[in-house]
Amino acid sequence: QVQLVESGGGLVQAGGSLTLSCAASVNIFSINDMSWYRQAPGNERELVALSPRDGSAQYIDSVKGRFTISRDNAKNTVYLQMNSLKPEDTAVYYCHAVKRPIGGLREYEYWGQGTQVTVSS
């Protein structure tokens, strides 16, 4: 079992910055994929940023150039640095982990509890 604890959400003005943290209960190097999702009221949950174990990163088009996902293996923590925030970034942000054991028959996924990000205009 992997526990994910998120923090760092809050209220900021448009153009401001926030950094979200996701602390994992295991060595995150053992987690194949870590990512951030977000969900606004009435909307579907969408993938925002993906960090595979190989160190690469992928982003949804609307946040490219503004958001950065990173891993700190020493702290077992994944971050989402959010700059130049826009009101449309307002949502609950969720940390997500996928683990694929070598030789296993299935993958395992885990979710954090979510943290609210509100961007005022």
N, C-alpha and C. Protein backbone atom coordinates (compact mmCIF):
# COMPACT_ATOMS: atom_id res chain seq x y z
N GLN A 1 0.84 -1.18 0.00
CA GLN A 1 0.00 0.00 0.00
C GLN A 1 0.88 1.24 0.00
N VAL A 2 0.50 2.23 -0.80
CA VAL A 2 1.20 3.49 -0.89
C VAL A 2 0.26 4.60 -0.41
N GLN A 3 0.73 5.37 0.55
CA GLN A 3 -0.02 6.51 1.03
C GLN A 3 0.54 7.78 0.41
N LEU A 4 -0.34 8.65 -0.06
CA LEU A 4 0.03 9.91 -0.67
C LEU A 4 -0.63 11.04 0.10
N VAL A 5 0.17 11.98 0.56
CA VAL A 5 -0.33 13.11 1.34
C VAL A 5 0.03 14.40 0.63
N GLU A 6 -0.98 15.16 0.24
CA GLU A 6 -0.79 16.38 -0.52
C GLU A 6 -0.86 17.60 0.39
N SER A 7 -0.17 18.65 -0.02
CA SER A 7 -0.22 19.92 0.69
C SER A 7 0.18 21.03 -0.27
N GLY A 8 -0.04 22.26 0.15
CA GLY A 8 0.41 23.41 -0.61
C GLY A 8 -0.66 24.18 -1.34
N GLY A 9 -1.88 23.69 -1.34
CA GLY A 9 -2.95 24.41 -2.00
C GLY A 9 -3.29 25.69 -1.26
N GLY A 10 -4.05 26.55 -1.93
CA GLY A 10 -4.43 27.80 -1.31
C GLY A 10 -5.07 28.74 -2.30
N LEU A 11 -5.21 29.99 -1.88
CA LEU A 11 -5.82 31.04 -2.68
C LEU A 11 -4.74 32.01 -3.14
N VAL A 12 -4.68 32.24 -4.44
CA VAL A 12 -3.72 33.18 -5.00
C VAL A 12 -4.40 34.02 -6.06
N GLN A 13 -3.81 35.17 -6.34
CA GLN A 13 -4.29 36.02 -7.41
C GLN A 13 -3.75 35.55 -8.75
N ALA A 14 -4.48 35.87 -9.80
CA ALA A 14 -4.01 35.54 -11.14
C ALA A 14 -2.60 36.09 -11.36
N GLY A 15 -1.76 35.28 -11.96
CA GLY A 15 -0.37 35.64 -12.17
C GLY A 15 0.55 35.19 -11.06
N GLY A 16 -0.01 34.73 -9.96
CA GLY A 16 0.79 34.28 -8.84
C GLY A 16 1.27 32.86 -9.00
N SER A 17 1.92 32.36 -7.95
CA SER A 17 2.53 31.04 -7.99
C SER A 17 2.18 30.24 -6.75
N LEU A 18 2.14 28.93 -6.91
CA LEU A 18 1.99 27.99 -5.81
C LEU A 18 2.84 26.76 -6.12
N THR A 19 3.29 26.09 -5.07
CA THR A 19 3.96 24.81 -5.22
C THR A 19 3.23 23.77 -4.40
N LEU A 20 2.75 22.74 -5.06
CA LEU A 20 2.08 21.64 -4.39
C LEU A 20 3.09 20.54 -4.08
N SER A 21 2.89 19.86 -2.96
CA SER A 21 3.75 18.77 -2.55
C SER A 21 2.93 17.50 -2.37
N CYS A 22 3.53 16.39 -2.71
CA CYS A 22 2.92 15.08 -2.52
C CYS A 22 3.96 14.18 -1.87
N ALA A 23 3.76 13.87 -0.60
CA ALA A 23 4.67 13.02 0.14
C ALA A 23 4.18 11.59 0.11
N ALA A 24 5.04 10.68 -0.31
CA ALA A 24 4.70 9.27 -0.42
C ALA A 24 5.28 8.48 0.74
N SER A 25 4.61 7.39 1.08
CA SER A 25 5.04 6.55 2.20
C SER A 25 6.10 5.53 1.80
N VAL A 26 6.48 5.51 0.54
CA VAL A 26 7.51 4.60 0.04
C VAL A 26 8.52 5.40 -0.77
N ASN A 27 9.63 4.76 -1.07
CA ASN A 27 10.62 5.37 -1.94
C ASN A 27 9.97 5.60 -3.30
N ILE A 28 9.88 6.85 -3.71
CA ILE A 28 9.18 7.13 -4.96
C ILE A 28 9.93 6.63 -6.18
N PHE A 29 11.21 6.27 -6.00
CA PHE A 29 11.92 5.66 -7.11
C PHE A 29 11.31 4.31 -7.48
N SER A 30 10.60 3.68 -6.53
CA SER A 30 9.94 2.42 -6.79
C SER A 30 8.60 2.59 -7.50
N ILE A 31 8.15 3.83 -7.65
CA ILE A 31 6.88 4.11 -8.30
C ILE A 31 7.14 4.45 -9.76
N ASN A 32 6.49 3.73 -10.64
CA ASN A 32 6.76 3.90 -12.06
C ASN A 32 6.33 5.27 -12.57
N ASP A 33 5.09 5.65 -12.28
CA ASP A 33 4.55 6.91 -12.73
C ASP A 33 3.98 7.69 -11.56
N MET A 34 4.37 8.95 -11.45
CA MET A 34 3.71 9.85 -10.53
C MET A 34 3.16 11.01 -11.34
N SER A 35 2.02 11.50 -10.94
CA SER A 35 1.37 12.52 -11.73
C SER A 35 0.48 13.39 -10.86
N TRP A 36 0.07 14.49 -11.44
CA TRP A 36 -0.91 15.39 -10.84
C TRP A 36 -2.12 15.48 -11.76
N TYR A 37 -3.29 15.32 -11.17
CA TYR A 37 -4.56 15.53 -11.83
C TYR A 37 -5.26 16.71 -11.18
N ARG A 38 -6.27 17.21 -11.86
CA ARG A 38 -7.11 18.24 -11.25
C ARG A 38 -8.55 18.06 -11.69
N GLN A 39 -9.46 18.54 -10.85
CA GLN A 39 -10.87 18.44 -11.14
C GLN A 39 -11.58 19.68 -10.61
N ALA A 40 -12.21 20.40 -11.52
CA ALA A 40 -13.02 21.55 -11.16
C ALA A 40 -14.47 21.10 -11.03
N PRO A 41 -15.28 21.82 -10.25
CA PRO A 41 -16.68 21.44 -10.09
C PRO A 41 -17.40 21.30 -11.42
N GLY A 42 -18.09 20.19 -11.60
CA GLY A 42 -18.83 19.94 -12.83
C GLY A 42 -17.99 19.42 -13.97
N ASN A 43 -16.69 19.33 -13.78
CA ASN A 43 -15.79 18.86 -14.83
C ASN A 43 -15.24 17.48 -14.51
N GLU A 44 -14.74 16.81 -15.53
CA GLU A 44 -14.07 15.55 -15.34
C GLU A 44 -12.66 15.78 -14.82
N ARG A 45 -12.16 14.80 -14.09
CA ARG A 45 -10.78 14.87 -13.63
C ARG A 45 -9.84 14.73 -14.83
N GLU A 46 -8.85 15.61 -14.91
CA GLU A 46 -7.94 15.60 -16.04
C GLU A 46 -6.50 15.51 -15.59
N LEU A 47 -5.70 14.84 -16.38
CA LEU A 47 -4.27 14.74 -16.13
C LEU A 47 -3.62 16.07 -16.45
N VAL A 48 -2.82 16.57 -15.51
CA VAL A 48 -2.14 17.84 -15.68
C VAL A 48 -0.67 17.65 -16.01
N ALA A 49 0.01 16.80 -15.26
CA ALA A 49 1.44 16.59 -15.43
C ALA A 49 1.79 15.16 -15.05
N LEU A 50 2.70 14.56 -15.80
CA LEU A 50 3.10 13.17 -15.59
C LEU A 50 4.61 13.09 -15.46
N SER A 51 5.07 12.34 -14.46
CA SER A 51 6.50 12.13 -14.23
C SER A 51 6.79 10.64 -14.17
N PRO A 52 7.18 10.03 -15.29
CA PRO A 52 7.62 8.64 -15.25
C PRO A 52 8.94 8.50 -14.49
N ARG A 53 9.29 7.30 -14.13
CA ARG A 53 10.50 7.06 -13.35
C ARG A 53 11.76 7.41 -14.12
N ASP A 54 11.69 7.45 -15.44
CA ASP A 54 12.87 7.76 -16.24
C ASP A 54 13.27 9.22 -16.19
N GLY A 55 12.51 10.04 -15.47
CA GLY A 55 12.86 11.44 -15.31
C GLY A 55 12.25 12.38 -16.32
N SER A 56 11.56 11.86 -17.30
CA SER A 56 10.90 12.71 -18.27
C SER A 56 9.65 13.32 -17.65
N ALA A 57 9.06 14.26 -18.36
CA ALA A 57 7.85 14.90 -17.88
C ALA A 57 6.96 15.25 -19.06
N GLN A 58 5.67 15.15 -18.84
CA GLN A 58 4.68 15.50 -19.85
C GLN A 58 3.61 16.37 -19.22
N TYR A 59 3.05 17.28 -20.00
CA TYR A 59 2.09 18.23 -19.50
C TYR A 59 0.93 18.40 -20.45
N ILE A 60 -0.23 18.68 -19.90
CA ILE A 60 -1.35 19.07 -20.72
C ILE A 60 -1.03 20.42 -21.36
N ASP A 61 -1.53 20.63 -22.56
CA ASP A 61 -1.14 21.80 -23.33
C ASP A 61 -1.40 23.11 -22.58
N SER A 62 -2.48 23.18 -21.84
CA SER A 62 -2.87 24.43 -21.21
C SER A 62 -1.92 24.88 -20.10
N VAL A 63 -1.05 24.00 -19.61
CA VAL A 63 -0.13 24.37 -18.54
C VAL A 63 1.32 24.35 -18.97
N LYS A 64 1.61 23.98 -20.20
CA LYS A 64 2.99 23.94 -20.67
C LYS A 64 3.63 25.31 -20.57
N GLY A 65 4.83 25.33 -20.05
CA GLY A 65 5.54 26.58 -19.86
C GLY A 65 5.23 27.27 -18.56
N ARG A 66 4.21 26.83 -17.85
CA ARG A 66 3.82 27.44 -16.58
C ARG A 66 3.99 26.50 -15.40
N PHE A 67 3.75 25.20 -15.60
CA PHE A 67 3.82 24.21 -14.53
C PHE A 67 5.05 23.33 -14.72
N THR A 68 5.62 22.88 -13.61
CA THR A 68 6.74 21.96 -13.63
C THR A 68 6.53 20.88 -12.58
N ILE A 69 6.59 19.62 -13.01
CA ILE A 69 6.53 18.50 -12.09
C ILE A 69 7.94 18.00 -11.84
N SER A 70 8.25 17.65 -10.61
CA SER A 70 9.58 17.18 -10.27
C SER A 70 9.52 16.18 -9.13
N ARG A 71 10.54 15.34 -9.07
CA ARG A 71 10.67 14.36 -7.99
C ARG A 71 11.89 14.69 -7.14
N ASP A 72 11.73 14.58 -5.84
CA ASP A 72 12.84 14.63 -4.90
C ASP A 72 12.90 13.26 -4.23
N ASN A 73 13.73 12.39 -4.76
CA ASN A 73 13.77 11.02 -4.27
C ASN A 73 14.22 10.94 -2.81
N ALA A 74 15.11 11.84 -2.40
CA ALA A 74 15.59 11.82 -1.03
C ALA A 74 14.48 12.09 -0.03
N LYS A 75 13.50 12.89 -0.44
CA LYS A 75 12.39 13.23 0.43
C LYS A 75 11.12 12.44 0.12
N ASN A 76 11.19 11.55 -0.84
CA ASN A 76 10.02 10.78 -1.27
C ASN A 76 8.84 11.69 -1.57
N THR A 77 9.12 12.76 -2.27
CA THR A 77 8.13 13.79 -2.51
C THR A 77 8.13 14.20 -3.98
N VAL A 78 6.94 14.43 -4.49
CA VAL A 78 6.75 14.95 -5.83
C VAL A 78 6.14 16.34 -5.71
N TYR A 79 6.60 17.26 -6.54
CA TYR A 79 6.15 18.63 -6.49
C TYR A 79 5.47 19.03 -7.80
N LEU A 80 4.60 19.99 -7.71
CA LEU A 80 4.06 20.65 -8.88
C LEU A 80 4.22 22.14 -8.67
N GLN A 81 5.20 22.71 -9.35
CA GLN A 81 5.41 24.16 -9.32
C GLN A 81 4.48 24.79 -10.33
N MET A 82 3.67 25.72 -9.88
CA MET A 82 2.68 26.37 -10.73
C MET A 82 2.95 27.86 -10.76
N ASN A 83 3.28 28.37 -11.92
CA ASN A 83 3.55 29.79 -12.11
C ASN A 83 2.52 30.39 -13.05
N SER A 84 2.43 31.71 -13.03
CA SER A 84 1.52 32.44 -13.91
C SER A 84 0.12 31.84 -13.87
N LEU A 85 -0.38 31.64 -12.67
CA LEU A 85 -1.66 30.98 -12.50
C LEU A 85 -2.80 31.80 -13.09
N LYS A 86 -3.78 31.09 -13.62
CA LYS A 86 -4.95 31.67 -14.23
C LYS A 86 -6.20 31.20 -13.49
N PRO A 87 -7.28 31.98 -13.55
CA PRO A 87 -8.52 31.53 -12.89
C PRO A 87 -8.97 30.14 -13.35
N GLU A 88 -8.73 29.80 -14.60
CA GLU A 88 -9.12 28.50 -15.09
C GLU A 88 -8.30 27.35 -14.52
N ASP A 89 -7.24 27.67 -13.78
CA ASP A 89 -6.48 26.65 -13.07
C ASP A 89 -7.15 26.24 -11.76
N THR A 90 -8.19 26.95 -11.37
CA THR A 90 -8.89 26.65 -10.12
C THR A 90 -9.47 25.24 -10.17
N ALA A 91 -9.12 24.43 -9.18
CA ALA A 91 -9.57 23.05 -9.13
C ALA A 91 -9.03 22.40 -7.87
N VAL A 92 -9.51 21.20 -7.60
CA VAL A 92 -8.87 20.34 -6.61
C VAL A 92 -7.79 19.55 -7.34
N TYR A 93 -6.59 19.60 -6.81
CA TYR A 93 -5.45 18.92 -7.42
C TYR A 93 -5.14 17.64 -6.65
N TYR A 94 -4.97 16.55 -7.38
CA TYR A 94 -4.75 15.24 -6.80
C TYR A 94 -3.41 14.65 -7.23
N CYS A 95 -2.70 14.09 -6.30
CA CYS A 95 -1.50 13.33 -6.59
C CYS A 95 -1.89 11.89 -6.93
N HIS A 96 -1.20 11.30 -7.89
CA HIS A 96 -1.52 9.96 -8.35
C HIS A 96 -0.25 9.17 -8.58
N ALA A 97 -0.26 7.91 -8.20
CA ALA A 97 0.90 7.05 -8.36
C ALA A 97 0.48 5.72 -8.98
N VAL A 98 1.32 5.21 -9.86
CA VAL A 98 1.11 3.91 -10.48
C VAL A 98 2.36 3.09 -10.29
N LYS A 99 2.17 1.88 -9.78
CA LYS A 99 3.28 0.97 -9.55
C LYS A 99 3.06 -0.30 -10.35
N ARG A 100 4.09 -0.71 -11.09
CA ARG A 100 4.02 -1.91 -11.92
C ARG A 100 5.14 -2.87 -11.48
N PRO A 101 4.86 -3.79 -10.56
CA PRO A 101 5.89 -4.72 -10.10
C PRO A 101 6.43 -5.57 -11.24
N ILE A 102 7.74 -5.75 -11.25
CA ILE A 102 8.36 -6.60 -12.26
C ILE A 102 7.88 -8.03 -12.07
N GLY A 103 7.39 -8.61 -13.14
CA GLY A 103 6.87 -9.97 -13.09
C GLY A 103 5.46 -10.08 -12.57
N GLY A 104 4.86 -8.94 -12.20
CA GLY A 104 3.50 -8.95 -11.70
C GLY A 104 2.49 -9.07 -12.82
N LEU A 105 1.27 -9.38 -12.43
CA LEU A 105 0.20 -9.55 -13.40
C LEU A 105 -0.66 -8.31 -13.58
N ARG A 106 -0.46 -7.29 -12.76
CA ARG A 106 -1.28 -6.11 -12.82
C ARG A 106 -0.51 -4.92 -12.28
N GLU A 107 -1.07 -3.74 -12.51
CA GLU A 107 -0.52 -2.52 -11.94
C GLU A 107 -1.39 -2.06 -10.78
N TYR A 108 -0.83 -1.23 -9.94
CA TYR A 108 -1.52 -0.71 -8.77
C TYR A 108 -1.50 0.81 -8.83
N GLU A 109 -2.62 1.43 -8.49
CA GLU A 109 -2.69 2.87 -8.51
C GLU A 109 -3.19 3.40 -7.17
N TYR A 110 -2.74 4.60 -6.85
CA TYR A 110 -3.04 5.22 -5.57
C TYR A 110 -3.33 6.70 -5.78
N TRP A 111 -4.22 7.24 -4.96
CA TRP A 111 -4.62 8.64 -5.03
C TRP A 111 -4.40 9.34 -3.70
N GLY A 112 -4.00 10.59 -3.79
CA GLY A 112 -4.00 11.44 -2.62
C GLY A 112 -5.40 11.97 -2.36
N GLN A 113 -5.56 12.70 -1.26
CA GLN A 113 -6.88 13.18 -0.86
C GLN A 113 -7.30 14.44 -1.60
N GLY A 114 -6.38 15.11 -2.25
CA GLY A 114 -6.66 16.32 -2.98
C GLY A 114 -6.38 17.57 -2.17
N THR A 115 -5.99 18.63 -2.86
CA THR A 115 -5.77 19.92 -2.23
C THR A 115 -6.34 21.01 -3.14
N GLN A 116 -7.05 21.95 -2.54
CA GLN A 116 -7.76 22.97 -3.30
C GLN A 116 -6.82 24.08 -3.73
N VAL A 117 -6.89 24.43 -5.00
CA VAL A 117 -6.20 25.59 -5.55
C VAL A 117 -7.25 26.54 -6.11
N THR A 118 -7.26 27.76 -5.62
CA THR A 118 -8.20 28.76 -6.10
C THR A 118 -7.42 29.98 -6.59
N VAL A 119 -7.68 30.37 -7.82
CA VAL A 119 -7.01 31.51 -8.43
C VAL A 119 -8.05 32.58 -8.69
N SER A 120 -7.89 33.71 -8.07
CA SER A 120 -8.83 34.81 -8.22
C SER A 120 -8.38 35.74 -9.33
N SER A 121 -9.35 36.36 -9.99
CA SER A 121 -9.04 37.32 -11.04
C SER A 121 -9.05 38.74 -10.51
